[in-house]
C-alpha cells in the first residue's frame, strides 16, 4: 500500500503516529522497524487504509530498517 500526500500541511499531517526504529525499543516486541502506533480517524492514513500495527516498509524509497525513529518522522 502506498500513502502519498501531494500537499503538506503541518495542521493535518498524515494522520498517524509511528513507533520503533533503529536505537528505539522494539514496538510491541516486534522486530526492529517502523510501525503504525496510532491512526487518526478520517485522516489521510485512515483513508488510505493503513491499520494499527502495520509495518512501514520504506519512506521516500529508503528502507525503514535503515532509519532511526527521528529520521522516520
Protein backbone atom coordinates (compact mmCIF):
# COMPACT_ATOMS: atom_id res chain seq x y z
CA UNK A 1 0.00 0.00 0.00
CA UNK A 2 1.32 3.44 -0.84
CA UNK A 3 0.38 6.57 1.10
CA UNK A 4 1.20 9.80 -0.65
CA UNK A 5 0.30 13.32 0.31
CA UNK A 6 0.60 15.84 -2.51
CA UNK A 7 0.29 18.96 -0.36
CA UNK A 8 1.92 19.06 3.07
CA UNK A 9 0.07 20.68 5.93
CA UNK A 10 1.51 20.69 9.43
CA UNK A 11 -2.01 21.17 10.74
CA UNK A 12 -3.36 18.00 9.17
CA UNK A 13 -0.23 15.87 8.69
CA UNK A 14 -0.62 12.27 7.55
CA UNK A 15 -2.98 11.23 10.34
CA UNK A 16 -0.78 8.65 12.02
CA UNK A 17 1.78 8.20 14.77
CA UNK A 18 4.71 5.84 14.29
CA UNK A 19 6.84 3.90 16.77
CA UNK A 20 10.10 1.98 16.59
CA UNK A 21 13.24 2.49 14.53
CA UNK A 22 16.95 1.90 14.99
CA UNK A 23 18.07 2.65 18.53
CA UNK A 24 14.50 2.58 19.87
CA UNK A 25 12.86 -0.12 21.90
CA UNK A 26 11.08 -2.51 19.50
CA UNK A 27 7.38 -1.71 19.11
CA UNK A 28 5.20 -4.25 20.95
CA UNK A 29 8.03 -6.81 20.92
CA UNK A 30 8.13 -6.75 17.12
CA UNK A 31 11.37 -6.95 15.18
CA UNK A 32 13.13 -3.60 14.70
CA UNK A 33 11.29 -1.43 12.21
CA UNK A 34 8.80 1.43 11.97
CA UNK A 35 5.18 0.60 12.86
CA UNK A 36 1.87 2.46 12.88
CA UNK A 37 1.11 3.14 16.55
CA UNK A 38 -1.97 5.37 16.14
CA UNK A 39 -4.39 6.25 13.34
CA UNK A 40 -6.39 9.49 13.31
CA UNK A 41 -9.96 8.59 12.29
CA UNK A 42 -10.75 10.21 8.95
CA UNK A 43 -7.12 11.26 8.40
CA UNK A 44 -5.02 10.56 5.34
CA UNK A 45 -3.60 7.28 6.73
CA UNK A 46 -7.08 6.05 7.69
CA UNK A 47 -8.46 6.98 4.27
CA UNK A 48 -5.55 5.16 2.59
CA UNK A 49 -6.36 2.00 4.57
CA UNK A 50 -3.44 1.84 6.99
CA UNK A 51 -4.17 -0.12 10.16
CA UNK A 52 -2.78 -0.13 13.69
CA UNK A 53 0.44 -2.21 13.90
CA UNK A 54 1.11 -2.07 10.13
CA UNK A 55 4.84 -2.02 9.40
CA UNK A 56 6.11 0.90 7.31
CA UNK A 57 8.50 -0.73 4.83
CA UNK A 58 10.05 2.38 3.24
CA UNK A 59 9.79 6.16 3.28
CA UNK A 60 10.69 8.03 0.09
CA UNK A 61 12.37 4.87 -1.19
CA UNK A 62 14.56 4.46 1.91
CA UNK A 63 14.09 1.13 3.72
CA UNK A 64 12.88 1.74 7.27
CA UNK A 65 15.31 -0.88 8.54
CA UNK A 66 17.97 1.82 8.00
CA UNK A 67 16.16 4.65 9.84
CA UNK A 68 16.02 5.64 13.47
CA UNK A 69 12.74 6.94 14.87
CA UNK A 70 13.59 10.61 14.38
CA UNK A 71 14.60 10.11 10.75
CA UNK A 72 11.29 8.35 10.11
CA UNK A 73 9.18 11.17 11.50
